[in-house]
């Protein structure tokens, strides 16, 4: 069953960031606070083997493209100049 809590003495800058974030995410301020709390407190890190399996599954869905490594190196050097 959901519980109601009251937050007091929220710093002005935190409150403003919450309002901006709520607007950007098309949520009420209350829903934004809940989303932030869930994202921070309820995240579960996947075990490394599970992460690796997910990465390999994603890679398998990508088109098989042959990369021109010389072209990639040229573009990287160009971006550093």
C-alpha atoms as a PDB file:
ATOM      1  CA  UNK A   1       0.000   0.000   0.000  1.00  0.00           C
ATOM      2  CA  UNK A   2       1.452   3.417  -0.943  1.00  0.00           C
ATOM      3  CA  UNK A   3       2.497   5.689   1.887  1.00  0.00           C
ATOM      4  CA  UNK A   4       2.331   9.472   1.987  1.00  0.00           C
ATOM      5  CA  UNK A   5       5.363  11.446   3.102  1.00  0.00           C
ATOM      6  CA  UNK A   6       6.005  15.158   3.444  1.00  0.00           C
ATOM      7  CA  UNK A   7       9.313  16.700   2.455  1.00  0.00           C
ATOM      8  CA  UNK A   8      10.484  19.780   4.320  1.00  0.00           C
ATOM      9  CA  UNK A   9      13.279  22.275   3.758  1.00  0.00           C
ATOM     10  CA  UNK A  10      13.973  21.282   0.163  1.00  0.00           C
ATOM     11  CA  UNK A  11      16.711  23.602  -1.120  1.00  0.00           C
ATOM     12  CA  UNK A  12      15.442  26.058  -3.711  1.00  0.00           C
ATOM     13  CA  UNK A  13      17.848  24.838  -6.405  1.00  0.00           C
ATOM     14  CA  UNK A  14      16.756  21.220  -5.900  1.00  0.00           C
ATOM     15  CA  UNK A  15      13.110  22.243  -6.078  1.00  0.00           C
ATOM     16  CA  UNK A  16      13.698  24.196  -9.293  1.00  0.00           C
ATOM     17  CA  UNK A  17      15.547  21.269 -10.895  1.00  0.00           C
ATOM     18  CA  UNK A  18      12.694  18.947  -9.930  1.00  0.00           C
ATOM     19  CA  UNK A  19      10.161  21.312 -11.508  1.00  0.00           C
ATOM     20  CA  UNK A  20      12.173  21.566 -14.716  1.00  0.00           C
ATOM     21  CA  UNK A  21      12.636  17.803 -14.845  1.00  0.00           C
ATOM     22  CA  UNK A  22       8.943  17.165 -14.171  1.00  0.00           C
ATOM     23  CA  UNK A  23       7.958  19.500 -16.997  1.00  0.00           C
ATOM     24  CA  UNK A  24      10.459  17.927 -19.373  1.00  0.00           C
ATOM     25  CA  UNK A  25       9.152  14.455 -18.537  1.00  0.00           C
ATOM     26  CA  UNK A  26       5.475  15.485 -18.658  1.00  0.00           C
ATOM     27  CA  UNK A  27       4.952  14.478 -15.026  1.00  0.00           C
ATOM     28  CA  UNK A  28       3.586  16.111 -11.930  1.00  0.00           C
ATOM     29  CA  UNK A  29       6.090  17.196  -9.320  1.00  0.00           C
ATOM     30  CA  UNK A  30       4.984  14.310  -7.101  1.00  0.00           C
ATOM     31  CA  UNK A  31       5.426  11.777  -9.914  1.00  0.00           C
ATOM     32  CA  UNK A  32       8.855  13.216 -10.698  1.00  0.00           C
ATOM     33  CA  UNK A  33       9.982  12.855  -7.082  1.00  0.00           C
ATOM     34  CA  UNK A  34       8.785   9.239  -7.083  1.00  0.00           C
ATOM     35  CA  UNK A  35      10.561   8.561 -10.392  1.00  0.00           C
ATOM     36  CA  UNK A  36      13.798  10.044  -9.020  1.00  0.00           C
ATOM     37  CA  UNK A  37      13.561   8.006  -5.841  1.00  0.00           C
ATOM     38  CA  UNK A  38      12.846   4.817  -7.769  1.00  0.00           C
ATOM     39  CA  UNK A  39      15.706   5.448 -10.177  1.00  0.00           C
ATOM     40  CA  UNK A  40      18.096   5.977  -7.290  1.00  0.00           C
ATOM     41  CA  UNK A  41      16.896   3.407  -4.789  1.00  0.00           C
ATOM     42  CA  UNK A  42      15.366   0.643  -6.854  1.00  0.00           C
ATOM     43  CA  UNK A  43      18.023   0.125  -9.504  1.00  0.00           C
ATOM     44  CA  UNK A  44      19.466  -3.333  -9.682  1.00  0.00           C
ATOM     45  CA  UNK A  45      22.817  -3.828 -11.262  1.00  0.00           C
ATOM     46  CA  UNK A  46      22.923  -6.780 -13.579  1.00  0.00           C
ATOM     47  CA  UNK A  47      25.613  -9.344 -12.931  1.00  0.00           C
ATOM     48  CA  UNK A  48      28.534  -9.078 -15.380  1.00  0.00           C
ATOM     49  CA  UNK A  49      27.597 -12.315 -17.209  1.00  0.00           C
ATOM     50  CA  UNK A  50      24.067 -10.951 -17.709  1.00  0.00           C
ATOM     51  CA  UNK A  51      25.418  -7.614 -18.970  1.00  0.00           C
ATOM     52  CA  UNK A  52      27.722  -9.436 -21.381  1.00  0.00           C
ATOM     53  CA  UNK A  53      24.854 -11.592 -22.662  1.00  0.00           C
ATOM     54  CA  UNK A  54      22.729  -8.473 -23.263  1.00  0.00           C
ATOM     55  CA  UNK A  55      25.595  -6.778 -25.123  1.00  0.00           C
ATOM     56  CA  UNK A  56      26.160  -9.831 -27.290  1.00  0.00           C
ATOM     57  CA  UNK A  57      22.432 -10.067 -28.063  1.00  0.00           C
ATOM     58  CA  UNK A  58      22.382  -6.414 -29.103  1.00  0.00           C
ATOM     59  CA  UNK A  59      25.493  -6.847 -31.228  1.00  0.00           C
ATOM     60  CA  UNK A  60      23.913  -9.865 -32.960  1.00  0.00           C
ATOM     61  CA  UNK A  61      20.953  -7.693 -34.023  1.00  0.00           C
ATOM     62  CA  UNK A  62      23.181  -5.041 -35.604  1.00  0.00           C
ATOM     63  CA  UNK A  63      23.887  -5.202 -39.333  1.00  0.00           C
ATOM     64  CA  UNK A  64      27.136  -6.899 -40.248  1.00  0.00           C
ATOM     65  CA  UNK A  65      29.234  -3.997 -41.496  1.00  0.00           C
ATOM     66  CA  UNK A  66      32.863  -4.070 -42.461  1.00  0.00           C
ATOM     67  CA  UNK A  67      34.635  -1.079 -41.018  1.00  0.00           C
ATOM     68  CA  UNK A  68      37.445   0.740 -42.761  1.00  0.00           C
ATOM     69  CA  UNK A  69      39.873   1.184 -39.880  1.00  0.00           C
ATOM     70  CA  UNK A  70      42.032   3.655 -41.809  1.00  0.00           C
ATOM     71  CA  UNK A  71      38.972   5.860 -42.361  1.00  0.00           C
ATOM     72  CA  UNK A  72      38.035   5.644 -38.670  1.00  0.00           C
ATOM     73  CA  UNK A  73      41.578   6.650 -37.666  1.00  0.00           C
ATOM     74  CA  UNK A  74      41.506   9.576 -40.128  1.00  0.00           C
ATOM     75  CA  UNK A  75      38.211  10.833 -38.712  1.00  0.00           C
ATOM     76  CA  UNK A  76      39.487  10.537 -35.142  1.00  0.00           C
ATOM     77  CA  UNK A  77      42.625  12.514 -35.981  1.00  0.00           C
ATOM     78  CA  UNK A  78      40.509  15.135 -37.764  1.00  0.00           C
ATOM     79  CA  UNK A  79      38.335  15.552 -34.666  1.00  0.00           C
ATOM     80  CA  UNK A  80      41.381  16.113 -32.470  1.00  0.00           C
ATOM     81  CA  UNK A  81      42.844  18.938 -34.523  1.00  0.00           C
END
